Protein backbone atom coordinates (compact mmCIF):
# COMPACT_ATOMS: atom_id res chain seq x y z
CA MET A 1 0.00 0.00 0.00
CA LYS A 2 1.40 3.39 -1.01
CA LEU A 3 2.36 5.94 1.64
CA ASP A 4 0.02 8.53 0.10
CA ASP A 5 -2.87 6.09 0.57
CA LYS A 6 -1.87 5.57 4.19
CA LYS A 7 -1.83 9.34 4.72
CA ARG A 8 -5.39 9.47 3.36
CA VAL A 9 -6.39 6.66 5.73
CA LEU A 10 -4.82 8.54 8.65
CA ARG A 11 -6.90 11.57 7.75
CA GLU A 12 -10.05 9.44 7.65
CA MET A 13 -9.23 7.98 11.06
CA VAL A 14 -8.60 11.41 12.58
CA LEU A 15 -11.88 12.63 11.08
CA ALA A 16 -13.67 9.66 12.63
CA ARG A 17 -12.14 10.34 16.05
CA ARG A 18 -12.87 14.08 16.01
CA PHE A 19 -16.40 13.54 14.66
CA GLU A 20 -17.20 11.17 17.52
CA GLU A 21 -15.64 13.35 20.20
CA ARG A 22 -17.66 16.29 18.87
CA CYS A 23 -20.78 14.13 19.15
CA TYR A 24 -19.89 13.58 22.81
CA GLN A 25 -19.69 17.34 23.37
CA ALA A 26 -22.98 17.97 21.54
CA TYR A 27 -24.69 15.34 23.68
CA ILE A 28 -23.44 17.04 26.85
CA GLU A 29 -24.83 20.30 25.44
CA ARG A 30 -28.22 18.51 24.98
CA LYS A 31 -28.14 19.07 21.23
CA ILE A 32 -28.14 15.32 20.62
CA GLY A 33 -30.71 13.24 22.46
CA GLY A 34 -31.56 9.58 22.89
CA PHE A 35 -28.88 6.92 22.86
CA LEU A 36 -25.33 7.59 21.68
CA HIS A 37 -22.66 4.89 21.28
CA LEU A 38 -19.22 6.22 20.36
CA TYR A 39 -16.33 4.66 18.43
CA PRO A 40 -13.02 6.24 19.62
CA GLY A 41 -10.29 3.61 19.92
CA GLN A 42 -11.68 1.31 17.23
CA GLU A 43 -10.87 3.37 14.10
CA ALA A 44 -8.36 0.92 12.60
CA CYS A 45 -11.03 -1.80 12.47
CA VAL A 46 -13.43 -0.20 10.00
CA SER A 47 -10.63 1.64 8.14
CA GLY A 48 -8.61 -1.54 7.59
CA VAL A 49 -11.61 -3.53 6.40
CA MET A 50 -13.11 -0.87 4.13
CA GLU A 51 -9.72 -0.13 2.57
CA ALA A 52 -9.59 -3.78 1.53
CA ALA A 53 -13.18 -3.72 0.27
CA ARG A 54 -14.99 -1.43 -2.18
CA PRO A 55 -16.75 1.34 -0.23
CA GLY A 56 -20.01 2.39 -1.82
CA TYR A 57 -20.07 -0.79 -3.92
CA ASP A 58 -19.99 -3.58 -1.38
CA TYR A 59 -22.90 -3.64 1.06
CA VAL A 60 -22.27 -2.84 4.73
CA ILE A 61 -24.51 -3.38 7.74
CA THR A 62 -23.78 -3.00 11.45
CA GLY A 63 -25.15 -2.49 14.95
CA TYR A 64 -25.76 0.77 16.79
CA ARG A 65 -22.14 2.03 16.99
CA ASP A 66 -22.57 3.03 13.38
CA HIS A 67 -21.64 6.65 12.57
CA VAL A 68 -18.09 5.95 11.42
CA HIS A 69 -19.10 2.94 9.33
CA ALA A 70 -21.59 5.07 7.42
CA ILE A 71 -19.00 7.78 6.76
CA GLN A 72 -16.47 5.17 5.62
CA CYS A 73 -18.99 3.92 3.08
CA GLY A 74 -19.29 7.42 1.64
CA ALA A 75 -22.07 9.00 3.69
CA ASP A 76 -21.76 12.78 4.07
CA PRO A 77 -20.60 13.59 7.64
CA LYS A 78 -22.96 16.58 7.57
CA ALA A 79 -25.97 14.33 6.92
CA VAL A 80 -24.86 11.93 9.65
CA MET A 81 -24.50 14.75 12.19
CA ALA A 82 -27.84 16.23 11.11
CA GLU A 83 -29.43 12.85 11.80
CA LEU A 84 -27.91 12.83 15.27
CA TYR A 85 -29.44 16.29 15.78
CA GLY A 86 -32.82 14.95 14.61
CA LYS A 87 -32.98 17.29 11.63
CA GLU A 88 -34.86 16.93 8.34
CA THR A 89 -31.56 16.95 6.41
CA GLY A 90 -30.34 13.90 8.31
CA SER A 91 -29.61 10.59 6.62
CA SER A 92 -32.93 9.21 7.92
CA LYS A 93 -34.77 12.55 7.82
CA GLY A 94 -34.19 12.98 11.55
CA ARG A 95 -36.46 10.02 12.35
CA GLY A 96 -33.83 7.47 13.27
CA GLY A 97 -31.13 9.16 15.30
CA SER A 98 -27.78 7.71 16.31
CA MET A 99 -28.66 4.02 16.07
CA HIS A 100 -30.37 4.19 12.68
CA ILE A 101 -27.98 5.83 10.23
CA PHE A 102 -28.71 4.74 6.64
CA ASP A 103 -27.25 5.59 3.25
CA ALA A 104 -28.64 3.20 0.64
CA ALA A 105 -27.04 5.19 -2.19
CA HIS A 106 -23.62 4.20 -0.83
CA HIS A 107 -24.79 0.68 0.06
CA PHE A 108 -24.67 1.36 3.79
CA MET A 109 -27.70 -0.65 4.80
CA GLY A 110 -27.97 0.75 8.27
CA GLY A 111 -27.21 0.59 11.93
CA TYR A 112 -29.58 -1.49 14.03
CA ALA A 113 -30.55 -1.18 17.68
CA LEU A 114 -31.33 -4.87 18.16
CA VAL A 115 -28.27 -6.79 19.35
CA GLY A 116 -27.57 -9.51 16.81
CA GLY A 117 -30.26 -8.18 14.46
CA PRO A 118 -27.94 -7.48 11.51
CA PHE A 119 -26.70 -11.11 11.23
CA PRO A 120 -29.71 -12.51 9.35
CA LEU A 121 -30.14 -9.27 7.40
CA ALA A 122 -26.54 -9.57 6.18
CA ALA A 123 -27.26 -13.12 5.05
CA GLY A 124 -30.34 -11.89 3.20
CA ILE A 125 -28.38 -9.16 1.43
CA ALA A 126 -25.69 -11.70 0.50
CA LYS A 127 -28.34 -14.10 -0.80
CA GLY A 128 -29.70 -11.31 -2.98
CA ILE A 129 -26.21 -10.65 -4.38
CA GLN A 130 -25.79 -14.37 -5.06
CA MET A 131 -29.12 -14.65 -6.86
CA LYS A 132 -28.38 -11.62 -9.05
CA GLY A 133 -24.92 -12.91 -9.89
CA GLY A 134 -22.99 -9.78 -8.92
CA ASP A 135 -19.47 -9.65 -7.52
CA GLU A 136 -20.35 -7.45 -4.53
CA ILE A 137 -20.01 -8.81 -1.01
CA CYS A 138 -21.90 -7.99 2.17
CA ILE A 139 -19.86 -6.96 5.20
CA CYS A 140 -21.47 -7.31 8.60
CA PHE A 141 -19.76 -5.45 11.48
CA LEU A 142 -20.83 -6.42 15.00
CA GLY A 143 -19.43 -6.48 18.52
CA ASP A 144 -18.37 -9.56 20.44
CA ALA A 145 -21.45 -9.60 22.70
CA ALA A 146 -23.78 -9.98 19.71
CA ASN A 147 -22.34 -13.45 19.13
CA ASN A 148 -24.26 -14.78 22.12
CA GLN A 149 -27.55 -14.16 20.34
CA GLY A 150 -29.35 -17.04 18.65
CA THR A 151 -29.30 -15.15 15.36
CA PHE A 152 -25.51 -15.58 15.28
CA HIS A 153 -25.66 -19.37 15.14
CA GLU A 154 -28.67 -19.52 12.84
CA THR A 155 -26.99 -17.14 10.38
CA MET A 156 -23.60 -18.88 10.44
CA ASN A 157 -25.29 -22.16 9.61
CA MET A 158 -27.25 -20.77 6.66
CA ALA A 159 -24.35 -18.62 5.41
CA LYS A 160 -22.15 -21.70 5.08
CA LEU A 161 -24.93 -23.97 3.85
CA TRP A 162 -25.60 -21.58 0.96
CA ASN A 163 -21.96 -20.38 0.66
CA LEU A 164 -23.08 -16.78 0.81
CA PRO A 165 -20.75 -13.88 -0.13
CA VAL A 166 -20.77 -12.42 3.37
CA LEU A 167 -17.88 -11.25 5.53
CA PHE A 168 -18.51 -11.10 9.27
CA ILE A 169 -16.29 -8.65 11.17
CA CYS A 170 -16.31 -9.09 14.94
CA GLU A 171 -15.04 -5.88 16.55
CA ASN A 172 -14.08 -7.45 19.86
CA ASN A 173 -13.76 -4.52 22.27
CA GLN A 174 -13.67 -6.86 25.29
CA TYR A 175 -17.01 -5.83 26.82
CA GLY A 176 -20.72 -6.32 26.23
CA ILE A 177 -22.04 -3.11 27.78
CA GLY A 178 -20.47 -3.50 31.25
CA THR A 179 -19.74 -7.24 31.24
CA ALA A 180 -16.24 -8.50 30.43
CA ILE A 181 -16.25 -11.15 27.72
CA ASP A 182 -14.77 -13.85 29.97
CA ARG A 183 -17.76 -13.47 32.32
CA SER A 184 -20.35 -13.95 29.59
CA THR A 185 -18.82 -16.20 26.97
CA ALA A 186 -17.50 -19.74 27.31
CA VAL A 187 -15.21 -19.50 24.27
CA VAL A 188 -13.44 -16.15 24.54
CA ASP A 189 -11.73 -16.34 21.13
CA GLN A 190 -14.69 -15.51 18.95
CA PHE A 191 -13.19 -16.68 15.67
CA LYS A 192 -13.11 -20.22 17.04
CA ARG A 193 -16.88 -20.25 17.47
CA VAL A 194 -17.57 -20.57 13.74
CA CYS A 195 -15.42 -23.70 13.26
CA GLY A 196 -18.49 -25.86 13.93
CA TYR A 197 -20.04 -24.40 10.78
CA GLY A 198 -16.98 -24.92 8.58
CA ILE A 199 -16.47 -21.18 8.07
CA GLU A 200 -12.98 -19.85 7.39
CA ALA A 201 -11.92 -17.55 10.23
CA ALA A 202 -9.02 -15.57 11.67
CA GLN A 203 -8.16 -13.23 14.53
CA CYS A 204 -5.90 -10.16 14.40
CA ASP A 205 -4.76 -7.03 16.24
CA GLY A 206 -7.47 -4.42 15.68
CA GLN A 207 -5.33 -1.45 16.82
CA ASP A 208 -2.88 -1.61 13.93
CA PHE A 209 -4.31 -0.49 10.58
CA ASP A 210 -1.69 -2.35 8.55
CA ILE A 211 -2.44 -5.63 10.30
CA VAL A 212 -6.21 -5.24 9.92
CA TYR A 213 -5.77 -4.31 6.26
CA GLU A 214 -3.66 -7.37 5.46
CA HIS A 215 -6.09 -9.73 7.18
CA ALA A 216 -9.07 -7.99 5.59
CA LYS A 217 -7.54 -8.30 2.12
CA ALA A 218 -7.34 -12.07 2.54
CA ALA A 219 -10.89 -12.21 3.93
CA VAL A 220 -12.37 -10.04 1.17
CA SER A 221 -10.54 -12.04 -1.52
CA HIS A 222 -11.96 -15.26 -0.07
CA VAL A 223 -15.54 -13.98 -0.03
CA ARG A 224 -15.41 -12.15 -3.39
CA GLY A 225 -13.86 -15.24 -4.93
CA ARG A 226 -17.09 -17.08 -4.01
CA LYS A 227 -15.32 -19.45 -1.64
CA GLY A 228 -18.02 -18.92 0.98
CA PRO A 229 -18.41 -16.73 4.08
CA TYR A 230 -15.52 -15.57 6.26
CA PHE A 231 -15.32 -14.50 9.90
CA LEU A 232 -12.61 -12.05 11.00
CA GLU A 233 -12.20 -11.11 14.66
CA VAL A 234 -10.34 -7.83 15.28
CA MET A 235 -9.17 -7.26 18.84
CA THR A 236 -9.82 -3.67 19.86
CA TYR A 237 -11.01 -1.40 22.68
CA ARG A 238 -13.49 1.46 23.06
CA TYR A 239 -12.17 4.41 25.04
CA ARG A 240 -15.61 5.70 25.97
CA GLY A 241 -18.30 3.79 27.81
CA HIS A 242 -20.84 1.58 26.07
CA SER A 243 -23.11 4.62 25.77
CA MET A 244 -23.31 8.09 27.25
CA SER A 245 -24.91 6.79 30.46
CA ASP A 246 -21.98 4.42 31.11
CA SER A 247 -19.65 5.44 33.96
CA ARG A 248 -17.12 2.68 33.07
CA ALA A 249 -17.09 1.57 36.72
CA TYR A 250 -16.60 -2.04 35.62
CA ARG A 251 -13.05 -1.50 34.37
CA THR A 252 -9.91 0.12 35.74
CA ARG A 253 -8.34 3.34 34.53
CA GLU A 254 -5.03 1.45 34.39
CA GLU A 255 -6.54 -0.91 31.82
CA GLU A 256 -7.79 2.01 29.76
CA GLU A 257 -4.39 3.72 29.78
CA LEU A 258 -2.71 0.46 28.75
CA TRP A 259 -4.89 0.26 25.64
CA LYS A 260 -4.41 3.95 24.85
CA GLN A 261 -0.67 3.31 24.60
CA ARG A 262 -1.57 1.44 21.42
CA ASP A 263 -3.83 4.09 19.97
CA PRO A 264 -4.60 3.15 16.34
CA ILE A 265 -4.19 6.72 15.10
CA PHE A 266 -0.82 7.18 16.78
CA ILE A 267 0.46 3.80 15.55
CA LEU A 268 -0.22 4.81 11.95
CA ARG A 269 0.98 8.39 12.50
CA ASP A 270 4.32 7.24 13.96
CA ARG A 271 4.81 4.72 11.17
CA LEU A 272 4.36 7.46 8.56
CA ILE A 273 6.73 9.78 10.45
CA ASP A 274 9.36 7.02 10.63
CA ALA A 275 8.97 6.48 6.87
CA GLY A 276 9.56 10.18 6.22
CA ALA A 277 6.07 10.65 4.76
CA LEU A 278 4.79 12.86 7.58
CA THR A 279 6.03 15.25 10.24
CA GLN A 280 4.62 15.93 13.68
CA GLU A 281 3.93 19.50 12.60
CA ALA A 282 1.96 18.29 9.57
CA PHE A 283 -0.07 15.98 11.79
CA VAL A 284 -0.96 18.82 14.18
CA ALA A 285 -1.99 20.92 11.18
CA LEU A 286 -4.16 18.04 9.96
CA GLU A 287 -5.93 17.87 13.32
CA LYS A 288 -6.61 21.61 13.25
CA GLU A 289 -7.91 21.39 9.68
CA ILE A 290 -10.32 18.60 10.60
CA ASP A 291 -11.47 20.40 13.75
CA ALA A 292 -12.28 23.46 11.64
CA TYR A 293 -14.16 21.36 9.08
CA ILE A 294 -16.27 19.68 11.74
CA GLU A 295 -17.07 22.94 13.51
CA ASN A 296 -17.55 25.24 10.52
CA GLU A 297 -19.26 22.81 8.17
CA VAL A 298 -20.56 19.67 9.89
CA ILE A 299 -21.86 21.20 13.13
CA LYS A 300 -22.96 24.40 11.40
CA PHE A 301 -25.00 22.38 8.88
CA ALA A 302 -26.66 20.31 11.61
CA GLU A 303 -27.51 23.30 13.79
CA GLU A 304 -28.89 25.38 10.92
CA SER A 305 -30.92 22.57 9.33
CA PRO A 306 -34.71 22.59 9.84
CA GLU A 307 -36.56 20.41 12.27
CA PRO A 308 -38.91 17.80 10.72
CA ASP A 309 -42.37 19.27 10.03
CA VAL A 310 -44.94 18.09 12.58
CA SER A 311 -47.48 17.74 9.76
CA GLU A 312 -45.37 14.88 8.38
CA LEU A 313 -45.25 12.96 11.65
CA ALA A 314 -46.78 9.81 10.12
CA ARG A 315 -45.23 10.11 6.66
CA TYR A 316 -42.77 7.23 7.05
CA VAL A 317 -44.96 5.09 9.33
CA LEU A 318 -45.82 1.82 7.57
CA ALA A 319 -48.87 0.90 9.65
């Protein structure tokens, strides 16, 4: 992968981090309501996978920690923020909020509030691709705790039975809300859980973009080559709580600091500096540029956008 491409990826990761941290601030200011699940610490996961895939062409579906995934697929950050603000210009017309970001035009098929809900939907999308004969794949991002849902096992069975073009990405951030994985799950290594279904699987470091990218390339090649489904577990960590109401009392600050020493953005930044492709001064300038973009364009757009019209309250209600 060329250094210029890695610099672009670094910019995308910094944008993701700053976007999410600005969401945190807006929530504290009561400009964003409802539930809010943030992504800081996990940026290398979605960046590594989507760099190996075809954003906007391949189909992507995920759970409720979904803002960054939508943006990586090509969704306009302004539309995503407007959705978080509940505005008419939002990606779901302000009706969905944080957990229901959609952008069908870029094949981002949504975030879902139901834990484990996207598994069977991903299989359905993949079945549709298979029936139409296209070379797209469906990528399903979900956290480790979702794998304890019955939909996980049902979907793995059918995905392999039909050899569906679906790639399952388990973003293992060690916790299901406030429960450590070893307290809830008999088999802690999630990639081992699909062996009973004959699905190819692997596990990798989710904090290092280069490592995720290399593993994702192999996974995407396997699925796009119509060799059946693939399950990739990326080991990562969320810096914030499960949601905004989470005090993180279930884990130590020492543990958090240990993971922050392997910050995915800093790992890639330092690698580019060592390669002579970036300077610390250029990185600081990049951060300032992105901060200005988020404040002067993204936030400004969301705050100035109109509220949904009360007269259209039932417009998108099916029954």
